[in-house]
PDB file of N, CA and C in Angstrom:
ATOM      1  N   MET A   1    -300.035 -54.344 120.778  1.00  0.00           N
ATOM      2  CA  MET A   1    -299.780 -54.428 119.358  1.00  0.00           C
ATOM      3  C   MET A   1    -300.378 -55.733 118.839  1.00  0.00           C
ATOM      4  N   ASP A   2    -301.181 -55.648 117.807  1.00  0.00           N
ATOM      5  CA  ASP A   2    -301.770 -56.832 117.190  1.00  0.00           C
ATOM      6  C   ASP A   2    -300.685 -57.630 116.477  1.00  0.00           C
ATOM      7  N   ALA A   3    -300.985 -58.905 116.234  1.00  0.00           N
ATOM      8  CA  ALA A   3    -300.035 -59.772 115.537  1.00  0.00           C
ATOM      9  C   ALA A   3    -299.782 -59.279 114.122  1.00  0.00           C
ATOM     10  N   GLU A   4    -300.762 -58.566 113.551  1.00  0.00           N
ATOM     11  CA  GLU A   4    -300.638 -58.081 112.180  1.00  0.00           C
ATOM     12  C   GLU A   4    -299.851 -56.771 112.095  1.00  0.00           C
ATOM     13  N   GLU A   5    -299.771 -56.025 113.187  1.00  0.00           N
ATOM     14  CA  GLU A   5    -299.067 -54.743 113.182  1.00  0.00           C
ATOM     15  C   GLU A   5    -297.565 -54.966 113.223  1.00  0.00           C
ATOM     16  N   LYS A   6    -296.852 -54.115 112.520  1.00  0.00           N
ATOM     17  CA  LYS A   6    -295.399 -54.176 112.531  1.00  0.00           C
ATOM     18  C   LYS A   6    -294.867 -52.893 113.159  1.00  0.00           C
ATOM     19  N   PRO A   7    -293.725 -52.953 113.831  1.00  0.00           N
ATOM     20  CA  PRO A   7    -293.170 -51.730 114.400  1.00  0.00           C
ATOM     21  C   PRO A   7    -292.839 -50.729 113.303  1.00  0.00           C
ATOM     22  N   SER A   8    -292.957 -49.470 113.638  1.00  0.00           N
ATOM     23  CA  SER A   8    -292.657 -48.411 112.681  1.00  0.00           C
ATOM     24  C   SER A   8    -291.144 -48.278 112.533  1.00  0.00           C
ATOM     25  N   PHE A   9    -290.640 -48.561 111.360  1.00  0.00           N
ATOM     26  CA  PHE A   9    -289.209 -48.464 111.085  1.00  0.00           C
ATOM     27  C   PHE A   9    -289.040 -48.036 109.643  1.00  0.00           C
ATOM     28  N   ASP A  10    -288.397 -46.925 109.441  1.00  0.00           N
ATOM     29  CA  ASP A  10    -288.158 -46.424 108.096  1.00  0.00           C
ATOM     30  C   ASP A  10    -286.666 -46.541 107.801  1.00  0.00           C
ATOM     31  N   ALA A  11    -286.312 -47.524 106.988  1.00  0.00           N
ATOM     32  CA  ALA A  11    -284.905 -47.779 106.682  1.00  0.00           C
ATOM     33  C   ALA A  11    -284.244 -46.573 106.026  1.00  0.00           C
ATOM     34  N   VAL A  12    -284.988 -45.830 105.221  1.00  0.00           N
ATOM     35  CA  VAL A  12    -284.421 -44.662 104.553  1.00  0.00           C
ATOM     36  C   VAL A  12    -283.991 -43.629 105.587  1.00  0.00           C
ATOM     37  N   ASP A  13    -284.852 -43.355 106.560  1.00  0.00           N
ATOM     38  CA  ASP A  13    -284.494 -42.396 107.605  1.00  0.00           C
ATOM     39  C   ASP A  13    -283.338 -42.909 108.459  1.00  0.00           C
ATOM     40  N   PHE A  14    -283.273 -44.219 108.648  1.00  0.00           N
ATOM     41  CA  PHE A  14    -282.227 -44.824 109.456  1.00  0.00           C
ATOM     42  C   PHE A  14    -280.853 -44.676 108.800  1.00  0.00           C
ATOM     43  N   ILE A  15    -280.801 -44.765 107.483  1.00  0.00           N
ATOM     44  CA  ILE A  15    -279.537 -44.726 106.746  1.00  0.00           C
ATOM     45  C   ILE A  15    -279.146 -43.313 106.323  1.00  0.00           C
ATOM     46  N   ALA A  16    -280.111 -42.443 106.130  1.00  0.00           N
ATOM     47  CA  ALA A  16    -279.831 -41.101 105.612  1.00  0.00           C
ATOM     48  C   ALA A  16    -278.791 -40.381 106.459  1.00  0.00           C
ATOM     49  N   ASP A  17    -277.780 -39.862 105.804  1.00  0.00           N
ATOM     50  CA  ASP A  17    -276.714 -39.065 106.404  1.00  0.00           C
ATOM     51  C   ASP A  17    -275.796 -39.842 107.341  1.00  0.00           C
ATOM     52  N   VAL A  18    -275.812 -41.169 107.279  1.00  0.00           N
ATOM     53  CA  VAL A  18    -274.853 -41.964 108.028  1.00  0.00           C
ATOM     54  C   VAL A  18    -273.500 -41.840 107.334  1.00  0.00           C
ATOM     55  N   HIS A  19    -272.443 -41.754 108.109  1.00  0.00           N
ATOM     56  CA  HIS A  19    -271.109 -41.655 107.516  1.00  0.00           C
ATOM     57  C   HIS A  19    -270.491 -43.037 107.348  1.00  0.00           C
ATOM     58  N   ALA A  20    -269.723 -43.164 106.304  1.00  0.00           N
ATOM     59  CA  ALA A  20    -268.995 -44.390 106.009  1.00  0.00           C
ATOM     60  C   ALA A  20    -267.634 -43.976 105.461  1.00  0.00           C
ATOM     61  N   VAL A  21    -266.739 -44.911 105.398  1.00  0.00           N
ATOM     62  CA  VAL A  21    -265.449 -44.629 104.787  1.00  0.00           C
ATOM     63  C   VAL A  21    -265.234 -45.599 103.638  1.00  0.00           C
ATOM     64  N   VAL A  22    -264.658 -45.078 102.574  1.00  0.00           N
ATOM     65  CA  VAL A  22    -264.347 -45.893 101.408  1.00  0.00           C
ATOM     66  C   VAL A  22    -262.834 -46.009 101.335  1.00  0.00           C
ATOM     67  N   LEU A  23    -262.369 -47.236 101.244  1.00  0.00           N
ATOM     68  CA  LEU A  23    -260.942 -47.492 101.094  1.00  0.00           C
ATOM     69  C   LEU A  23    -260.675 -47.712  99.611  1.00  0.00           C
ATOM     70  N   ARG A  24    -259.761 -46.930  99.079  1.00  0.00           N
ATOM     71  CA  ARG A  24    -259.361 -47.081  97.679  1.00  0.00           C
ATOM     72  C   ARG A  24    -257.916 -47.548  97.679  1.00  0.00           C
ATOM     73  N   VAL A  25    -257.681 -48.714  97.102  1.00  0.00           N
ATOM     74  CA  VAL A  25    -256.338 -49.298  97.053  1.00  0.00           C
ATOM     75  C   VAL A  25    -256.019 -49.652  95.617  1.00  0.00           C
ATOM     76  N   GLU A  26    -254.791 -49.338  95.185  1.00  0.00           N
ATOM     77  CA  GLU A  26    -254.401 -49.707  93.826  1.00  0.00           C
ATOM     78  C   GLU A  26    -254.351 -51.226  93.700  1.00  0.00           C
ATOM     79  N   THR A  27    -254.523 -51.709  92.493  1.00  0.00           N
ATOM     80  CA  THR A  27    -254.455 -53.154  92.255  1.00  0.00           C
ATOM     81  C   THR A  27    -252.999 -53.602  92.289  1.00  0.00           C
ATOM     82  N   PRO A  28    -252.764 -54.880  92.530  1.00  0.00           N
ATOM     83  CA  PRO A  28    -251.383 -55.368  92.563  1.00  0.00           C
ATOM     84  C   PRO A  28    -250.612 -55.127  91.264  1.00  0.00           C
ATOM     85  N   GLU A  29    -251.330 -55.039  90.150  1.00  0.00           N
ATOM     86  CA  GLU A  29    -250.659 -54.787  88.870  1.00  0.00           C
ATOM     87  C   GLU A  29    -250.100 -53.370  88.809  1.00  0.00           C
ATOM     88  N   GLY A  30    -250.597 -52.482  89.678  1.00  0.00           N
ATOM     89  CA  GLY A  30    -250.083 -51.122  89.743  1.00  0.00           C
ATOM     90  C   GLY A  30    -250.561 -50.205  88.639  1.00  0.00           C
ATOM     91  N   ARG A  31    -251.576 -50.620  87.905  1.00  0.00           N
ATOM     92  CA  ARG A  31    -252.098 -49.735  86.852  1.00  0.00           C
ATOM     93  C   ARG A  31    -252.746 -48.519  87.494  1.00  0.00           C
ATOM     94  N   PRO A  32    -252.420 -47.325  87.042  1.00  0.00           N
ATOM     95  CA  PRO A  32    -252.956 -46.115  87.690  1.00  0.00           C
ATOM     96  C   PRO A  32    -254.466 -45.936  87.529  1.00  0.00           C
ATOM     97  N   ASP A  33    -255.071 -46.619  86.573  1.00  0.00           N
ATOM     98  CA  ASP A  33    -256.505 -46.460  86.347  1.00  0.00           C
ATOM     99  C   ASP A  33    -257.317 -47.591  86.980  1.00  0.00           C
ATOM    100  N   ARG A  34    -256.687 -48.464  87.761  1.00  0.00           N
ATOM    101  CA  ARG A  34    -257.382 -49.603  88.370  1.00  0.00           C
ATOM    102  C   ARG A  34    -257.238 -49.548  89.885  1.00  0.00           C
ATOM    103  N   TYR A  35    -258.387 -49.553  90.556  1.00  0.00           N
ATOM    104  CA  TYR A  35    -258.386 -49.510  92.014  1.00  0.00           C
ATOM    105  C   TYR A  35    -259.428 -50.470  92.558  1.00  0.00           C
ATOM    106  N   ARG A  36    -259.192 -50.930  93.762  1.00  0.00           N
ATOM    107  CA  ARG A  36    -260.200 -51.694  94.506  1.00  0.00           C
ATOM    108  C   ARG A  36    -260.837 -50.731  95.484  1.00  0.00           C
ATOM    109  N   ARG A  37    -262.160 -50.814  95.591  1.00  0.00           N
ATOM    110  CA  ARG A  37    -262.881 -49.959  96.531  1.00  0.00           C
ATOM    111  C   ARG A  37    -263.670 -50.839  97.477  1.00  0.00           C
ATOM    112  N   ARG A  38    -263.673 -50.473  98.747  1.00  0.00           N
ATOM    113  CA  ARG A  38    -264.437 -51.206  99.740  1.00  0.00           C
ATOM    114  C   ARG A  38    -265.010 -50.207 100.739  1.00  0.00           C
ATOM    115  N   VAL A  39    -266.268 -50.416 101.106  1.00  0.00           N
ATOM    116  CA  VAL A  39    -266.950 -49.519 102.042  1.00  0.00           C
ATOM    117  C   VAL A  39    -266.883 -50.104 103.451  1.00  0.00           C
ATOM    118  N   TYR A  40    -266.537 -49.265 104.410  1.00  0.00           N
ATOM    119  CA  TYR A  40    -266.510 -49.638 105.821  1.00  0.00           C
ATOM    120  C   TYR A  40    -267.409 -48.688 106.592  1.00  0.00           C
ATOM    121  N   LEU A  41    -268.032 -49.195 107.636  1.00  0.00           N
ATOM    122  CA  LEU A  41    -268.885 -48.346 108.466  1.00  0.00           C
ATOM    123  C   LEU A  41    -268.155 -47.833 109.700  1.00  0.00           C
ATOM    124  N   ASN A  42    -266.894 -48.202 109.842  1.00  0.00           N
ATOM    125  CA  ASN A  42    -266.097 -47.630 110.928  1.00  0.00           C
ATOM    126  C   ASN A  42    -264.677 -47.396 110.434  1.00  0.00           C
ATOM    127  N   LEU A  43    -264.058 -46.411 111.012  1.00  0.00           N
ATOM    128  CA  LEU A  43    -262.723 -46.006 110.584  1.00  0.00           C
ATOM    129  C   LEU A  43    -261.661 -47.036 110.954  1.00  0.00           C
ATOM    130  N   CYS A  44    -261.841 -47.716 112.067  1.00  0.00           N
ATOM    131  CA  CYS A  44    -260.850 -48.692 112.535  1.00  0.00           C
ATOM    132  C   CYS A  44    -260.652 -49.811 111.511  1.00  0.00           C
ATOM    133  N   GLY A  45    -261.735 -50.367 111.006  1.00  0.00           N
ATOM    134  CA  GLY A  45    -261.641 -51.438 110.010  1.00  0.00           C
ATOM    135  C   GLY A  45    -260.974 -50.972 108.728  1.00  0.00           C
ATOM    136  N   ALA A  46    -261.315 -49.768 108.293  1.00  0.00           N
ATOM    137  CA  ALA A  46    -260.724 -49.222 107.070  1.00  0.00           C
ATOM    138  C   ALA A  46    -259.226 -48.984 107.260  1.00  0.00           C
ATOM    139  N   GLN A  47    -258.847 -48.477 108.428  1.00  0.00           N
ATOM    140  CA  GLN A  47    -257.430 -48.216 108.685  1.00  0.00           C
ATOM    141  C   GLN A  47    -256.624 -49.506 108.715  1.00  0.00           C
ATOM    142  N   LYS A  48    -257.167 -50.553 109.314  1.00  0.00           N
ATOM    143  CA  LYS A  48    -256.473 -51.844 109.341  1.00  0.00           C
ATOM    144  C   LYS A  48    -256.270 -52.377 107.930  1.00  0.00           C
ATOM    145  N   ALA A  49    -257.301 -52.269 107.090  1.00  0.00           N
ATOM    146  CA  ALA A  49    -257.195 -52.743 105.701  1.00  0.00           C
ATOM    147  C   ALA A  49    -256.161 -51.926 104.928  1.00  0.00           C
ATOM    148  N   LEU A  50    -256.124 -50.624 105.159  1.00  0.00           N
ATOM    149  CA  LEU A  50    -255.135 -49.774 104.494  1.00  0.00           C
ATOM    150  C   LEU A  50    -253.729 -50.129 104.960  1.00  0.00           C
ATOM    151  N   ASP A  51    -253.557 -50.358 106.248  1.00  0.00           N
ATOM    152  CA  ASP A  51    -252.241 -50.751 106.772  1.00  0.00           C
ATOM    153  C   ASP A  51    -251.765 -52.048 106.140  1.00  0.00           C
ATOM    154  N   LYS A  52    -252.664 -53.021 105.983  1.00  0.00           N
ATOM    155  CA  LYS A  52    -252.305 -54.303 105.361  1.00  0.00           C
ATOM    156  C   LYS A  52    -251.923 -54.101 103.892  1.00  0.00           C
ATOM    157  N   ALA A  53    -252.676 -53.256 103.191  1.00  0.00           N
ATOM    158  CA  ALA A  53    -252.364 -52.990 101.785  1.00  0.00           C
ATOM    159  C   ALA A  53    -250.992 -52.331 101.653  1.00  0.00           C
ATOM    160  N   ARG A  54    -250.719 -51.383 102.508  1.00  0.00           N
ATOM    161  CA  ARG A  54    -249.412 -50.708 102.465  1.00  0.00           C
ATOM    162  C   ARG A  54    -248.282 -51.669 102.812  1.00  0.00           C
ATOM    163  N   ALA A  55    -248.544 -52.610 103.716  1.00  0.00           N
ATOM    164  CA  ALA A  55    -247.535 -53.617 104.055  1.00  0.00           C
ATOM    165  C   ALA A  55    -247.223 -54.500 102.847  1.00  0.00           C
ATOM    166  N   ARG A  56    -248.185 -54.645 101.942  1.00  0.00           N
ATOM    167  CA  ARG A  56    -247.972 -55.409 100.697  1.00  0.00           C
ATOM    168  C   ARG A  56    -247.379 -54.536  99.595  1.00  0.00           C
ATOM    169  N   GLY A  57    -247.106 -53.270  99.913  1.00  0.00           N
ATOM    170  CA  GLY A  57    -246.490 -52.369  98.942  1.00  0.00           C
ATOM    171  C   GLY A  57    -247.468 -51.652  98.036  1.00  0.00           C
ATOM    172  N   LEU A  58    -248.763 -51.668  98.385  1.00  0.00           N
ATOM    173  CA  LEU A  58    -249.773 -51.006  97.560  1.00  0.00           C
ATOM    174  C   LEU A  58    -250.094 -49.626  98.120  1.00  0.00           C
ATOM    175  N   ASP A  59    -250.385 -48.697  97.239  1.00  0.00           N
ATOM    176  CA  ASP A  59    -250.781 -47.354  97.658  1.00  0.00           C
ATOM    177  C   ASP A  59    -252.292 -47.322  97.836  1.00  0.00           C
ATOM    178  N   GLY A  60    -252.773 -46.457  98.712  1.00  0.00           N
ATOM    179  CA  GLY A  60    -254.214 -46.346  98.921  1.00  0.00           C
ATOM    180  C   GLY A  60    -254.555 -45.148  99.767  1.00  0.00           C
ATOM    181  N   GLU A  61    -255.840 -44.921  99.927  1.00  0.00           N
ATOM    182  CA  GLU A  61    -256.308 -43.807 100.750  1.00  0.00           C
ATOM    183  C   GLU A  61    -257.694 -44.118 101.284  1.00  0.00           C
ATOM    184  N   ILE A  62    -258.040 -43.424 102.363  1.00  0.00           N
ATOM    185  CA  ILE A  62    -259.365 -43.545 102.964  1.00  0.00           C
ATOM    186  C   ILE A  62    -260.117 -42.257 102.674  1.00  0.00           C
ATOM    187  N   VAL A  63    -261.368 -42.390 102.241  1.00  0.00           N
ATOM    188  CA  VAL A  63    -262.196 -41.234 101.913  1.00  0.00           C
ATOM    189  C   VAL A  63    -263.466 -41.296 102.766  1.00  0.00           C
ATOM    190  N   LEU A  64    -263.749 -40.227 103.504  1.00  0.00           N
ATOM    191  CA  LEU A  64    -264.964 -40.151 104.309  1.00  0.00           C
ATOM    192  C   LEU A  64    -266.141 -39.821 103.398  1.00  0.00           C
ATOM    193  N   CYS A  65    -267.233 -40.566 103.529  1.00  0.00           N
ATOM    194  CA  CYS A  65    -268.416 -40.374 102.686  1.00  0.00           C
ATOM    195  C   CYS A  65    -269.670 -40.307 103.554  1.00  0.00           C
ATOM    196  N   ARG A  66    -270.723 -39.769 103.006  1.00  0.00           N
ATOM    197  CA  ARG A  66    -272.023 -39.763 103.662  1.00  0.00           C
ATOM    198  C   ARG A  66    -272.975 -40.574 102.805  1.00  0.00           C
ATOM    199  N   LEU A  67    -273.645 -41.546 103.415  1.00  0.00           N
ATOM    200  CA  LEU A  67    -274.612 -42.366 102.683  1.00  0.00           C
ATOM    201  C   LEU A  67    -275.890 -41.577 102.441  1.00  0.00           C
ATOM    202  N   GLN A  68    -276.402 -41.678 101.252  1.00  0.00           N
ATOM    203  CA  GLN A  68    -277.658 -41.015 100.905  1.00  0.00           C
ATOM    204  C   GLN A  68    -278.504 -42.002 100.125  1.00  0.00           C
ATOM    205  N   PRO A  69    -279.554 -42.555 100.731  1.00  0.00           N
ATOM    206  CA  PRO A  69    -280.383 -43.551 100.044  1.00  0.00           C
ATOM    207  C   PRO A  69    -281.075 -42.976  98.799  1.00  0.00           C
ATOM    208  N   VAL A  70    -281.256 -43.823  97.823  1.00  0.00           N
ATOM    209  CA  VAL A  70    -282.015 -43.473  96.626  1.00  0.00           C
ATOM    210  C   VAL A  70    -283.324 -44.258  96.729  1.00  0.00           C
ATOM    211  N   THR A  71    -284.414 -43.542  96.693  1.00  0.00           N
ATOM    212  CA  THR A  71    -285.722 -44.212  96.857  1.00  0.00           C
ATOM    213  C   THR A  71    -286.600 -43.987  95.637  1.00  0.00           C
ATOM    214  N   GLY A  72    -287.636 -44.764  95.562  1.00  0.00           N
ATOM    215  CA  GLY A  72    -288.606 -44.610  94.482  1.00  0.00           C
ATOM    216  C   GLY A  72    -289.823 -43.811  94.933  1.00  0.00           C
ATOM    217  N   ARG A  73    -289.678 -43.109  96.059  1.00  0.00           N
ATOM    218  CA  ARG A  73    -290.796 -42.326  96.582  1.00  0.00           C
ATOM    219  C   ARG A  73    -291.142 -41.153  95.715  1.00  0.00           C
TER     220      ARG A  73
END
């Protein structure tokens, strides 16, 4: 491989159809129309965050999502 050549890597193909989880937790004010959202790439991290939120008395849920890149191609 020449110094000018770069390895073939397509970030779009790498990310397409990867699963993630979104944690939705109500805000401390408890307003029904206000939520905090955070994306996790593993279920363990999302579950720990949800457990901590529930320990603080907040309601929340985990939603499984599939990442789909948006490109300018």
